[in-house]
C-alpha atoms as a PDB file:
ATOM      1  CA  MET A   1      -6.260 -20.504 -11.433  1.00  0.00           C
ATOM      2  CA  ILE A   2      -5.746 -18.480 -14.559  1.00  0.00           C
ATOM      3  CA  ILE A   3      -7.040 -19.190 -18.103  1.00  0.00           C
ATOM      4  CA  VAL A   4      -4.439 -17.974 -20.738  1.00  0.00           C
ATOM      5  CA  MET A   5      -6.174 -17.258 -24.034  1.00  0.00           C
ATOM      6  CA  LYS A   6      -4.412 -17.736 -27.415  1.00  0.00           C
ATOM      7  CA  MET A   7      -2.699 -14.736 -29.029  1.00  0.00           C
ATOM      8  CA  LYS A   8      -5.329 -14.602 -31.879  1.00  0.00           C
ATOM      9  CA  ALA A   9      -8.369 -15.417 -29.466  1.00  0.00           C
ATOM     10  CA  SER A  10     -11.451 -13.445 -30.587  1.00  0.00           C
ATOM     11  CA  SER A  11     -13.690 -11.178 -28.402  1.00  0.00           C
ATOM     12  CA  ASP A  12     -16.401 -13.866 -28.739  1.00  0.00           C
ATOM     13  CA  ASP A  13     -13.896 -16.676 -27.623  1.00  0.00           C
ATOM     14  CA  ILE A  14     -13.108 -14.507 -24.508  1.00  0.00           C
ATOM     15  CA  ASP A  15     -16.712 -13.625 -23.704  1.00  0.00           C
ATOM     16  CA  ALA A  16     -17.701 -17.290 -24.045  1.00  0.00           C
ATOM     17  CA  VAL A  17     -15.118 -18.300 -21.398  1.00  0.00           C
ATOM     18  CA  ILE A  18     -16.206 -15.471 -19.104  1.00  0.00           C
ATOM     19  CA  ASN A  19     -19.879 -16.309 -19.335  1.00  0.00           C
ATOM     20  CA  ARG A  20     -19.349 -19.982 -18.679  1.00  0.00           C
ATOM     21  CA  LEU A  21     -17.350 -19.223 -15.566  1.00  0.00           C
ATOM     22  CA  HIS A  22     -19.946 -16.638 -14.274  1.00  0.00           C
ATOM     23  CA  ASN A  23     -22.726 -19.062 -15.073  1.00  0.00           C
ATOM     24  CA  GLY A  24     -20.845 -21.626 -12.885  1.00  0.00           C
ATOM     25  CA  GLY A  25     -20.771 -19.282 -10.060  1.00  0.00           C
ATOM     26  CA  TRP A  26     -17.216 -18.131 -10.381  1.00  0.00           C
ATOM     27  CA  GLN A  27     -15.928 -14.450 -10.490  1.00  0.00           C
ATOM     28  CA  THR A  28     -13.382 -13.302 -12.958  1.00  0.00           C
ATOM     29  CA  HIS A  29     -10.707 -10.795 -13.259  1.00  0.00           C
ATOM     30  CA  VAL A  30      -9.643 -10.082 -16.910  1.00  0.00           C
ATOM     31  CA  SER A  31      -6.353  -8.722 -17.908  1.00  0.00           C
ATOM     32  CA  ARG A  32      -6.007  -7.785 -21.412  1.00  0.00           C
ATOM     33  CA  GLY A  33      -2.416  -7.377 -22.552  1.00  0.00           C
ATOM     34  CA  GLU A  34      -1.014  -6.360 -25.940  1.00  0.00           C
ATOM     35  CA  GLU A  35      -0.722  -9.910 -27.236  1.00  0.00           C
ATOM     36  CA  ARG A  36      -2.696 -12.104 -24.759  1.00  0.00           C
ATOM     37  CA  THR A  37      -5.890 -12.000 -22.526  1.00  0.00           C
ATOM     38  CA  ILE A  38      -5.509 -13.599 -19.038  1.00  0.00           C
ATOM     39  CA  ILE A  39      -8.685 -14.571 -17.262  1.00  0.00           C
ATOM     40  CA  GLY A  40      -8.262 -14.992 -13.489  1.00  0.00           C
ATOM     41  CA  VAL A  41     -10.806 -17.391 -11.833  1.00  0.00           C
ATOM     42  CA  ILE A  42     -11.960 -16.592  -8.331  1.00  0.00           C
ATOM     43  CA  GLY A  43     -13.749 -19.064  -6.282  1.00  0.00           C
ATOM     44  CA  ASP A  44     -13.621 -22.904  -5.443  1.00  0.00           C
ATOM     45  CA  GLU A  45     -11.309 -24.282  -8.143  1.00  0.00           C
ATOM     46  CA  ARG A  46     -12.072 -27.902  -7.066  1.00  0.00           C
ATOM     47  CA  LYS A  47     -15.452 -27.662  -8.787  1.00  0.00           C
ATOM     48  CA  LEU A  48     -14.043 -26.325 -12.087  1.00  0.00           C
ATOM     49  CA  ASP A  49     -13.653 -28.829 -14.822  1.00  0.00           C
ATOM     50  CA  GLN A  50     -10.251 -27.791 -16.087  1.00  0.00           C
ATOM     51  CA  GLY A  51     -10.320 -30.166 -19.044  1.00  0.00           C
ATOM     52  CA  ALA A  52     -13.403 -28.782 -20.439  1.00  0.00           C
ATOM     53  CA  MET A  53     -12.189 -25.224 -20.027  1.00  0.00           C
ATOM     54  CA  SER A  54      -9.025 -26.032 -21.922  1.00  0.00           C
ATOM     55  CA  ARG A  55     -11.006 -27.319 -24.765  1.00  0.00           C
ATOM     56  CA  MET A  56     -12.927 -24.120 -25.345  1.00  0.00           C
ATOM     57  CA  GLY A  57     -12.372 -22.071 -28.338  1.00  0.00           C
ATOM     58  CA  GLY A  58      -9.517 -19.582 -27.989  1.00  0.00           C
ATOM     59  CA  VAL A  59      -8.006 -21.071 -24.747  1.00  0.00           C
ATOM     60  CA  ASP A  60      -4.369 -21.756 -24.865  1.00  0.00           C
ATOM     61  CA  ARG A  61      -4.004 -23.378 -21.350  1.00  0.00           C
ATOM     62  CA  VAL A  62      -5.400 -23.521 -17.871  1.00  0.00           C
ATOM     63  CA  VAL A  63      -2.840 -22.764 -15.088  1.00  0.00           C
ATOM     64  CA  PRO A  64      -3.637 -23.525 -11.345  1.00  0.00           C
ATOM     65  CA  ILE A  65      -2.251 -20.983  -8.871  1.00  0.00           C
ATOM     66  CA  LEU A  66      -0.753 -23.070  -6.044  1.00  0.00           C
ATOM     67  CA  ARG A  67      -0.302 -19.964  -3.730  1.00  0.00           C
ATOM     68  CA  PRO A  68      -2.960 -19.250  -1.228  1.00  0.00           C
ATOM     69  CA  PHE A  69      -2.908 -15.598  -2.328  1.00  0.00           C
ATOM     70  CA  LYS A  70      -4.358 -15.610  -5.944  1.00  0.00           C
ATOM     71  CA  LEU A  71      -5.169 -11.943  -7.067  1.00  0.00           C
ATOM     72  CA  ALA A  72      -2.070 -10.677  -5.521  1.00  0.00           C
ATOM     73  CA  SER A  73       0.160 -13.297  -6.991  1.00  0.00           C
ATOM     74  CA  ARG A  74       2.764 -12.694  -9.730  1.00  0.00           C
ATOM     75  CA  ASP A  75       1.220 -15.941 -11.237  1.00  0.00           C
ATOM     76  CA  PHE A  76      -2.122 -14.144 -11.705  1.00  0.00           C
ATOM     77  CA  GLN A  77      -0.521 -10.911 -13.036  1.00  0.00           C
ATOM     78  CA  ALA A  78       3.163 -10.922 -14.228  1.00  0.00           C
ATOM     79  CA  GLU A  79       3.546  -7.054 -14.827  1.00  0.00           C
ATOM     80  CA  ASP A  80       3.631  -4.584 -11.902  1.00  0.00           C
ATOM     81  CA  SER A  81       0.541  -2.886 -10.865  1.00  0.00           C
ATOM     82  CA  LYS A  82       0.568   0.781 -11.039  1.00  0.00           C
ATOM     83  CA  ILE A  83      -1.783   2.691  -8.662  1.00  0.00           C
ATOM     84  CA  GLU A  84      -2.238   6.281  -9.382  1.00  0.00           C
ATOM     85  CA  VAL A  85      -3.005   8.863  -6.684  1.00  0.00           C
ATOM     86  CA  ASN A  86      -3.710  12.378  -7.994  1.00  0.00           C
ATOM     87  CA  GLY A  87      -1.023  12.018 -10.720  1.00  0.00           C
ATOM     88  CA  HIS A  88       1.529  10.176  -8.569  1.00  0.00           C
ATOM     89  CA  VAL A  89       2.029   6.579  -9.493  1.00  0.00           C
ATOM     90  CA  PHE A  90       2.939   3.884  -7.140  1.00  0.00           C
ATOM     91  CA  GLY A  91       4.728   0.991  -8.752  1.00  0.00           C
ATOM     92  CA  GLY A  92       6.307   3.098 -11.531  1.00  0.00           C
ATOM     93  CA  GLU A  93       9.760   4.435 -12.155  1.00  0.00           C
ATOM     94  CA  LYS A  94       9.292   7.237  -9.545  1.00  0.00           C
ATOM     95  CA  VAL A  95       9.836   6.457  -5.820  1.00  0.00           C
ATOM     96  CA  ILE A  96       6.810   8.114  -4.104  1.00  0.00           C
ATOM     97  CA  MET A  97       7.594  10.092  -0.911  1.00  0.00           C
ATOM     98  CA  MET A  98       4.990  10.353   1.747  1.00  0.00           C
ATOM     99  CA  ALA A  99       5.669  12.399   4.858  1.00  0.00           C
ATOM    100  CA  GLY A 100       4.106  14.270   7.774  1.00  0.00           C
ATOM    101  CA  PRO A 101       3.284  14.035  11.436  1.00  0.00           C
ATOM    102  CA  CYS A 102       2.098  10.857  13.163  1.00  0.00           C
ATOM    103  CA  SER A 103      -0.660  12.902  14.647  1.00  0.00           C
ATOM    104  CA  VAL A 104      -2.537  15.910  13.534  1.00  0.00           C
ATOM    105  CA  GLU A 105      -2.213  18.403  16.431  1.00  0.00           C
ATOM    106  CA  SER A 106      -3.268  21.743  15.088  1.00  0.00           C
ATOM    107  CA  MET A 107      -3.749  23.646  11.779  1.00  0.00           C
ATOM    108  CA  GLU A 108      -0.344  25.513  12.201  1.00  0.00           C
ATOM    109  CA  GLN A 109       1.524  22.132  12.640  1.00  0.00           C
ATOM    110  CA  VAL A 110       0.079  20.433   9.685  1.00  0.00           C
ATOM    111  CA  MET A 111       0.356  23.530   7.329  1.00  0.00           C
ATOM    112  CA  GLU A 112       3.919  24.326   8.291  1.00  0.00           C
ATOM    113  CA  THR A 113       4.867  20.541   7.797  1.00  0.00           C
ATOM    114  CA  ALA A 114       2.940  20.331   4.541  1.00  0.00           C
ATOM    115  CA  ILE A 115       4.480  23.279   2.984  1.00  0.00           C
ATOM    116  CA  ALA A 116       8.056  22.151   4.117  1.00  0.00           C
ATOM    117  CA  ILE A 117       7.824  18.638   2.866  1.00  0.00           C
ATOM    118  CA  ARG A 118       6.201  19.889  -0.508  1.00  0.00           C
ATOM    119  CA  GLU A 119       9.181  22.182  -0.966  1.00  0.00           C
ATOM    120  CA  ALA A 120      11.643  19.338  -0.242  1.00  0.00           C
ATOM    121  CA  GLY A 121       9.946  17.051  -2.967  1.00  0.00           C
ATOM    122  CA  ALA A 122       7.479  14.952  -1.194  1.00  0.00           C
ATOM    123  CA  HIS A 123       4.465  13.757  -3.116  1.00  0.00           C
ATOM    124  CA  LEU A 124       1.868  12.942  -0.344  1.00  0.00           C
ATOM    125  CA  LEU A 125       1.033  14.163   3.114  1.00  0.00           C
ATOM    126  CA  ARG A 126       0.632  11.578   5.862  1.00  0.00           C
ATOM    127  CA  GLY A 127      -1.188  12.371   9.182  1.00  0.00           C
ATOM    128  CA  GLY A 128      -3.179  10.701  11.747  1.00  0.00           C
ATOM    129  CA  ALA A 129      -6.598  11.905  12.748  1.00  0.00           C
ATOM    130  CA  PHE A 130      -7.613   8.653  14.685  1.00  0.00           C
ATOM    131  CA  LYS A 131      -4.629   7.096  16.399  1.00  0.00           C
ATOM    132  CA  PRO A 132      -4.523   3.503  17.713  1.00  0.00           C
ATOM    133  CA  ARG A 133      -2.323   3.743  20.805  1.00  0.00           C
ATOM    134  CA  THR A 134      -1.178   1.050  23.154  1.00  0.00           C
ATOM    135  CA  SER A 135      -2.409   3.025  26.252  1.00  0.00           C
ATOM    136  CA  PRO A 136      -6.061   4.201  26.428  1.00  0.00           C
ATOM    137  CA  TYR A 137      -4.824   7.293  28.233  1.00  0.00           C
ATOM    138  CA  SER A 138      -2.516   8.378  25.228  1.00  0.00           C
ATOM    139  CA  PHE A 139      -3.688  10.942  22.749  1.00  0.00           C
ATOM    140  CA  GLN A 140      -6.301   9.260  20.357  1.00  0.00           C
ATOM    141  CA  GLY A 141      -6.293  11.899  17.684  1.00  0.00           C
ATOM    142  CA  MET A 142      -8.571  14.832  16.687  1.00  0.00           C
ATOM    143  CA  GLY A 143     -11.060  12.928  14.710  1.00  0.00           C
ATOM    144  CA  GLU A 144     -13.055  14.730  11.840  1.00  0.00           C
ATOM    145  CA  GLU A 145     -11.513  18.176  12.976  1.00  0.00           C
ATOM    146  CA  GLY A 146      -8.081  16.461  12.164  1.00  0.00           C
ATOM    147  CA  LEU A 147      -9.400  15.398   8.800  1.00  0.00           C
ATOM    148  CA  LYS A 148     -10.531  18.936   8.065  1.00  0.00           C
ATOM    149  CA  ILE A 149      -6.986  20.229   8.794  1.00  0.00           C
ATOM    150  CA  LEU A 150      -5.555  17.733   6.596  1.00  0.00           C
ATOM    151  CA  ALA A 151      -8.089  18.687   3.770  1.00  0.00           C
ATOM    152  CA  ALA A 152      -7.107  22.373   4.263  1.00  0.00           C
ATOM    153  CA  ALA A 153      -3.460  21.408   3.972  1.00  0.00           C
ATOM    154  CA  ARG A 154      -4.187  19.663   0.560  1.00  0.00           C
ATOM    155  CA  GLU A 155      -6.045  22.675  -0.708  1.00  0.00           C
ATOM    156  CA  GLU A 156      -3.095  24.792   0.113  1.00  0.00           C
ATOM    157  CA  THR A 157      -0.215  22.560  -1.127  1.00  0.00           C
ATOM    158  CA  GLY A 158      -1.868  20.265  -3.525  1.00  0.00           C
ATOM    159  CA  LEU A 159      -0.605  17.229  -1.666  1.00  0.00           C
ATOM    160  CA  PRO A 160      -2.835  14.027  -1.538  1.00  0.00           C
ATOM    161  CA  ILE A 161      -3.622  12.730   1.882  1.00  0.00           C
ATOM    162  CA  VAL A 162      -2.670   9.492   3.577  1.00  0.00           C
ATOM    163  CA  SER A 163      -4.543   8.789   6.825  1.00  0.00           C
ATOM    164  CA  GLU A 164      -5.152   5.586   8.789  1.00  0.00           C
ATOM    165  CA  ILE A 165      -8.698   4.134   9.201  1.00  0.00           C
ATOM    166  CA  MET A 166      -9.524   2.065  12.274  1.00  0.00           C
ATOM    167  CA  ALA A 167     -13.041   0.904  11.980  1.00  0.00           C
ATOM    168  CA  THR A 168     -15.771   0.086   9.415  1.00  0.00           C
ATOM    169  CA  ASP A 169     -17.919   2.826  10.742  1.00  0.00           C
ATOM    170  CA  GLN A 170     -15.340   5.488   9.883  1.00  0.00           C
ATOM    171  CA  ILE A 171     -15.307   4.566   6.107  1.00  0.00           C
ATOM    172  CA  ASP A 172     -17.788   7.134   4.676  1.00  0.00           C
ATOM    173  CA  LEU A 173     -16.095   9.947   6.900  1.00  0.00           C
ATOM    174  CA  MET A 174     -12.626   9.006   5.814  1.00  0.00           C
ATOM    175  CA  CYS A 175     -13.472   8.673   2.089  1.00  0.00           C
ATOM    176  CA  LYS A 176     -14.829  12.222   2.202  1.00  0.00           C
ATOM    177  CA  TYR A 177     -11.577  13.692   3.241  1.00  0.00           C
ATOM    178  CA  VAL A 178      -8.715  11.166   2.370  1.00  0.00           C
ATOM    179  CA  ASP A 179      -7.033  10.038  -0.859  1.00  0.00           C
ATOM    180  CA  VAL A 180      -5.337   6.879   0.464  1.00  0.00           C
ATOM    181  CA  LEU A 181      -6.723   4.855   3.336  1.00  0.00           C
ATOM    182  CA  GLN A 182      -4.200   3.279   5.504  1.00  0.00           C
ATOM    183  CA  ILE A 183      -4.746   0.060   7.276  1.00  0.00           C
ATOM    184  CA  GLY A 184      -2.215   0.123  10.263  1.00  0.00           C
ATOM    185  CA  THR A 185      -0.265  -2.716  11.831  1.00  0.00           C
ATOM    186  CA  ARG A 186      -2.750  -3.741  14.558  1.00  0.00           C
ATOM    187  CA  ASN A 187      -5.562  -3.917  11.958  1.00  0.00           C
ATOM    188  CA  MET A 188      -3.758  -5.966   9.281  1.00  0.00           C
ATOM    189  CA  GLN A 189      -5.963  -8.982  10.217  1.00  0.00           C
ATOM    190  CA  ASN A 190      -9.130  -7.024  10.927  1.00  0.00           C
ATOM    191  CA  TYR A 191     -11.098  -8.982   8.295  1.00  0.00           C
ATOM    192  CA  ALA A 192     -14.272  -7.078   8.697  1.00  0.00           C
ATOM    193  CA  LEU A 193     -12.266  -3.844   7.994  1.00  0.00           C
ATOM    194  CA  LEU A 194     -10.432  -5.431   5.139  1.00  0.00           C
ATOM    195  CA  ASN A 195     -13.545  -6.664   3.457  1.00  0.00           C
ATOM    196  CA  ALA A 196     -15.132  -3.116   3.961  1.00  0.00           C
ATOM    197  CA  VAL A 197     -12.363  -1.134   2.434  1.00  0.00           C
ATOM    198  CA  GLY A 198     -12.206  -3.656  -0.407  1.00  0.00           C
ATOM    199  CA  LYS A 199     -15.679  -2.493  -1.431  1.00  0.00           C
ATOM    200  CA  THR A 200     -14.393   1.130  -1.743  1.00  0.00           C
ATOM    201  CA  ASN A 201     -12.530   2.638  -4.697  1.00  0.00           C
ATOM    202  CA  LYS A 202      -9.733   4.263  -2.673  1.00  0.00           C
ATOM    203  CA  PRO A 203      -6.196   3.038  -2.820  1.00  0.00           C
ATOM    204  CA  ILE A 204      -5.322   1.129   0.386  1.00  0.00           C
ATOM    205  CA  LEU A 205      -1.954   1.423   2.057  1.00  0.00           C
ATOM    206  CA  LEU A 206      -1.779  -1.968   3.936  1.00  0.00           C
ATOM    207  CA  LYS A 207       0.882  -2.044   6.563  1.00  0.00           C
ATOM    208  CA  ARG A 208       2.383  -5.403   7.634  1.00  0.00           C
ATOM    209  CA  GLY A 209       1.462  -6.772  11.243  1.00  0.00           C
ATOM    210  CA  MET A 210       4.085  -6.255  13.729  1.00  0.00           C
ATOM    211  CA  MET A 211       4.296  -9.980  14.219  1.00  0.00           C
ATOM    212  CA  SER A 212       2.981 -11.190  10.777  1.00  0.00           C
ATOM    213  CA  THR A 213       4.668 -13.189   8.063  1.00  0.00           C
ATOM    214  CA  ILE A 214       4.962 -12.139   4.419  1.00  0.00           C
ATOM    215  CA  GLU A 215       2.329 -14.507   3.418  1.00  0.00           C
ATOM    216  CA  GLU A 216      -0.067 -13.323   6.195  1.00  0.00           C
ATOM    217  CA  LEU A 217       0.374  -9.775   4.754  1.00  0.00           C
ATOM    218  CA  LEU A 218      -0.366 -11.057   1.205  1.00  0.00           C
ATOM    219  CA  MET A 219      -3.433 -12.946   2.475  1.00  0.00           C
ATOM    220  CA  SER A 220      -4.743  -9.632   3.998  1.00  0.00           C
ATOM    221  CA  ALA A 221      -4.192  -7.983   0.534  1.00  0.00           C
ATOM    222  CA  GLU A 222      -6.160 -10.684  -0.797  1.00  0.00           C
ATOM    223  CA  TYR A 223      -9.161 -10.083   1.305  1.00  0.00           C
ATOM    224  CA  ILE A 224      -9.243  -6.410   0.044  1.00  0.00           C
ATOM    225  CA  MET A 225      -8.802  -7.486  -3.562  1.00  0.00           C
ATOM    226  CA  SER A 226     -11.284 -10.251  -3.516  1.00  0.00           C
ATOM    227  CA  ASN A 227     -14.077  -7.537  -2.685  1.00  0.00           C
ATOM    228  CA  GLY A 228     -13.102  -5.781  -5.900  1.00  0.00           C
ATOM    229  CA  ASN A 229     -10.468  -3.225  -4.808  1.00  0.00           C
ATOM    230  CA  HIS A 230      -7.197  -3.968  -6.452  1.00  0.00           C
ATOM    231  CA  LYS A 231      -5.592  -0.696  -5.620  1.00  0.00           C
ATOM    232  CA  VAL A 232      -3.492  -2.089  -2.722  1.00  0.00           C
ATOM    233  CA  ILE A 233      -0.030  -0.832  -1.669  1.00  0.00           C
ATOM    234  CA  LEU A 234       1.873  -2.959   0.599  1.00  0.00           C
ATOM    235  CA  CYS A 235       3.973  -1.443   3.379  1.00  0.00           C
ATOM    236  CA  GLU A 236       6.882  -3.027   5.324  1.00  0.00           C
ATOM    237  CA  ARG A 237       6.970  -1.097   8.726  1.00  0.00           C
ATOM    238  CA  GLY A 238       9.393  -3.250  10.703  1.00  0.00           C
ATOM    239  CA  ILE A 239       8.493  -6.415  12.787  1.00  0.00           C
ATOM    240  CA  ARG A 240       8.996  -7.489  16.552  1.00  0.00           C
ATOM    241  CA  THR A 241      12.011  -9.383  17.228  1.00  0.00           C
ATOM    242  CA  PHE A 242      14.316 -10.017  20.303  1.00  0.00           C
ATOM    243  CA  GLU A 243      16.211  -6.893  19.474  1.00  0.00           C
ATOM    244  CA  LYS A 244      15.609  -4.000  22.031  1.00  0.00           C
ATOM    245  CA  TYR A 245      17.952  -1.299  20.567  1.00  0.00           C
ATOM    246  CA  THR A 246      15.371  -0.212  17.946  1.00  0.00           C
ATOM    247  CA  ARG A 247      11.404  -0.013  18.219  1.00  0.00           C
ATOM    248  CA  ASN A 248      11.122  -2.728  15.661  1.00  0.00           C
ATOM    249  CA  THR A 249      13.378  -4.594  13.189  1.00  0.00           C
ATOM    250  CA  LEU A 250      13.230  -3.351   9.706  1.00  0.00           C
ATOM    251  CA  ASP A 251      12.965  -6.607   7.273  1.00  0.00           C
ATOM    252  CA  ILE A 252      14.682  -5.194   4.400  1.00  0.00           C
ATOM    253  CA  ASN A 253      14.426  -8.717   2.931  1.00  0.00           C
ATOM    254  CA  ALA A 254      10.780  -8.297   2.669  1.00  0.00           C
ATOM    255  CA  VAL A 255      11.052  -5.799  -0.291  1.00  0.00           C
ATOM    256  CA  PRO A 256      12.794  -7.987  -2.814  1.00  0.00           C
ATOM    257  CA  VAL A 257      10.835 -11.054  -1.584  1.00  0.00           C
ATOM    258  CA  LEU A 258       7.429  -9.291  -2.104  1.00  0.00           C
ATOM    259  CA  LYS A 259       8.681  -8.008  -5.424  1.00  0.00           C
ATOM    260  CA  GLU A 260       9.110 -11.624  -6.487  1.00  0.00           C
ATOM    261  CA  LEU A 261       5.843 -12.881  -5.048  1.00  0.00           C
ATOM    262  CA  THR A 262       3.494  -9.998  -5.902  1.00  0.00           C
ATOM    263  CA  HIS A 263       2.647  -7.452  -8.620  1.00  0.00           C
ATOM    264  CA  LEU A 264       1.498  -5.077  -5.972  1.00  0.00           C
ATOM    265  CA  PRO A 265       3.616  -1.874  -5.185  1.00  0.00           C
ATOM    266  CA  VAL A 266       5.894  -2.092  -1.924  1.00  0.00           C
ATOM    267  CA  VAL A 267       6.760   0.789   0.268  1.00  0.00           C
ATOM    268  CA  VAL A 268       8.675   1.118   3.448  1.00  0.00           C
ATOM    269  CA  ASP A 269       8.051   2.863   6.649  1.00  0.00           C
ATOM    270  CA  PRO A 270      11.518   3.478   8.248  1.00  0.00           C
ATOM    271  CA  SER A 271      10.182   5.675  11.051  1.00  0.00           C
ATOM    272  CA  HIS A 272       8.186   2.941  12.733  1.00  0.00           C
ATOM    273  CA  ALA A 273      10.744   0.216  11.791  1.00  0.00           C
ATOM    274  CA  THR A 274      13.470   1.993  13.810  1.00  0.00           C
ATOM    275  CA  GLY A 275      11.779   4.234  16.303  1.00  0.00           C
ATOM    276  CA  ARG A 276      14.632   6.449  16.240  1.00  0.00           C
ATOM    277  CA  TRP A 277      15.039   9.679  13.915  1.00  0.00           C
ATOM    278  CA  THR A 278      18.807   9.160  13.751  1.00  0.00           C
ATOM    279  CA  LEU A 279      18.293   5.952  11.965  1.00  0.00           C
ATOM    280  CA  VAL A 280      15.737   6.929   9.364  1.00  0.00           C
ATOM    281  CA  LYS A 281      17.922   8.453   6.835  1.00  0.00           C
ATOM    282  CA  ALA A 282      20.156   5.215   6.526  1.00  0.00           C
ATOM    283  CA  THR A 283      17.112   2.860   6.491  1.00  0.00           C
ATOM    284  CA  SER A 284      15.452   5.116   3.824  1.00  0.00           C
ATOM    285  CA  ARG A 285      18.628   4.839   1.668  1.00  0.00           C
ATOM    286  CA  ALA A 286      18.672   0.944   2.067  1.00  0.00           C
ATOM    287  CA  SER A 287      14.872   0.670   1.301  1.00  0.00           C
ATOM    288  CA  VAL A 288      15.154   2.484  -1.949  1.00  0.00           C
ATOM    289  CA  ALA A 289      18.285   0.555  -2.903  1.00  0.00           C
ATOM    290  CA  ALA A 290      16.401  -2.748  -2.132  1.00  0.00           C
ATOM    291  CA  GLY A 291      13.718  -1.721  -4.626  1.00  0.00           C
ATOM    292  CA  ALA A 292      10.934   0.075  -2.500  1.00  0.00           C
ATOM    293  CA  ASP A 293       8.318   1.805  -4.582  1.00  0.00           C
ATOM    294  CA  GLY A 294       8.009   4.519  -1.884  1.00  0.00           C
ATOM    295  CA  LEU A 295       8.726   5.697   1.691  1.00  0.00           C
ATOM    296  CA  ILE A 296       6.472   6.973   4.394  1.00  0.00           C
ATOM    297  CA  ILE A 297       8.329   9.276   6.831  1.00  0.00           C
ATOM    298  CA  GLU A 298       7.264  11.011   9.942  1.00  0.00           C
ATOM    299  CA  VAL A 299       8.082  14.840   9.996  1.00  0.00           C
ATOM    300  CA  HIS A 300       7.217  17.214  12.787  1.00  0.00           C
ATOM    301  CA  PRO A 301       8.127  20.970  13.176  1.00  0.00           C
ATOM    302  CA  ASN A 302       8.919  20.273  16.819  1.00  0.00           C
ATOM    303  CA  PRO A 303       9.313  16.766  17.675  1.00  0.00           C
ATOM    304  CA  ALA A 304      10.109  17.386  21.283  1.00  0.00           C
ATOM    305  CA  GLU A 305       6.487  18.498  21.673  1.00  0.00           C
ATOM    306  CA  ALA A 306       4.809  16.023  19.527  1.00  0.00           C
ATOM    307  CA  THR A 307       1.807  14.224  21.027  1.00  0.00           C
ATOM    308  CA  SER A 308       3.106  10.834  19.526  1.00  0.00           C
ATOM    309  CA  ASP A 309       6.196   9.435  18.168  1.00  0.00           C
ATOM    310  CA  GLY A 310       8.327  12.412  18.542  1.00  0.00           C
ATOM    311  CA  GLU A 311      11.428  10.280  19.109  1.00  0.00           C
ATOM    312  CA  GLN A 312      11.261   8.906  15.386  1.00  0.00           C
ATOM    313  CA  SER A 313      10.066  12.224  13.564  1.00  0.00           C
ATOM    314  CA  LEU A 314      12.420  14.182  11.540  1.00  0.00           C
ATOM    315  CA  LYS A 315      12.397  18.093  11.678  1.00  0.00           C
ATOM    316  CA  PRO A 316      11.715  19.522   8.053  1.00  0.00           C
ATOM    317  CA  LYS A 317      15.142  20.531   7.428  1.00  0.00           C
ATOM    318  CA  ARG A 318      16.327  16.987   8.267  1.00  0.00           C
ATOM    319  CA  PHE A 319      13.684  15.631   5.828  1.00  0.00           C
ATOM    320  CA  ALA A 320      15.042  17.845   3.104  1.00  0.00           C
ATOM    321  CA  GLU A 321      18.386  16.330   3.669  1.00  0.00           C
ATOM    322  CA  LEU A 322      16.982  12.950   3.516  1.00  0.00           C
ATOM    323  CA  MET A 323      15.414  13.777   0.186  1.00  0.00           C
ATOM    324  CA  VAL A 324      18.800  14.715  -1.305  1.00  0.00           C
ATOM    325  CA  GLU A 325      20.211  11.388  -0.273  1.00  0.00           C
ATOM    326  CA  VAL A 326      17.478   8.982  -1.323  1.00  0.00           C
ATOM    327  CA  ARG A 327      17.269  10.874  -4.695  1.00  0.00           C
ATOM    328  CA  ARG A 328      20.894   9.890  -5.311  1.00  0.00           C
ATOM    329  CA  VAL A 329      20.140   6.291  -4.459  1.00  0.00           C
ATOM    330  CA  ALA A 330      17.178   6.149  -6.634  1.00  0.00           C
ATOM    331  CA  GLU A 331      19.237   7.735  -9.632  1.00  0.00           C
ATOM    332  CA  ALA A 332      21.842   5.189  -9.042  1.00  0.00           C
ATOM    333  CA  ILE A 333      19.514   2.215  -9.678  1.00  0.00           C
ATOM    334  CA  GLY A 334      17.691   3.970 -12.621  1.00  0.00           C
ATOM    335  CA  ARG A 335      14.801   5.517 -10.828  1.00  0.00           C
ATOM    336  CA  THR A 336      13.563   8.984  -9.864  1.00  0.00           C
ATOM    337  CA  ILE A 337      12.087  10.874  -6.987  1.00  0.00           C
END
């Protein structure tokens, strides 16, 4: 639930409410607006005497949040969350572009890609050092050596790094090199991992599970946020349906639906959603038009020789063409890239 304080509530009034909640065993999240302060209550609401709380000094009203996701809900926070990564803000006016190879393969491959996407206007470099693959015989990533290559590319280009974390024992290593931790589709409901990254201070890019509902995605975000980390960026990356022509089905509905339900930023991964590079440009335009706060695009200098996902990767020149087109769409709806 949330406790809405009166417009003229004093600091003493606010502190008294917070202290009473803490003494009762509840956690609080305080949002101080220009006119009002809202106190989010985290814990078993059934044990809270709502009547007694509503009679405390400075309290305007006590509002139950009926949705199972509390911290991620717009009922809890009406204004959009803005998550900054090295000067780039997810959830603001700018559509944030993340691009790079599915897997880190070599210094030359990553550096060439990073320089090309920076020149095209990308804001962050994505690349996988640890790769969850369907087959145990497929390329599994370069591990720490791959992270070092990404860090070298960041040093050269200034692009912050997005990379996937797969296990709790990788947290210290990943936090040493990476600016945004990605939770992949296969780990969306890995609750031990969600709890663990929730204790870090790193922004988390949380991908929707390939067969997960929107509510399940938001409940996974809730796990992270309930551990103290509110820097969560949601990612629609396509879901499995009966359709075989594309790798997955891009649920474009998810963008406006999530925008209604949550204050968290929403980005789209059209590369994994379609599985075909020829469809990435069109679905990128559609995603920006639908209100996405960012895109994450796979780019490789030589997709034919990529160790993973070459069929959905754009060459740098095609990525530059995509940037021109999505910039036009963004400008048409009052945003920038």
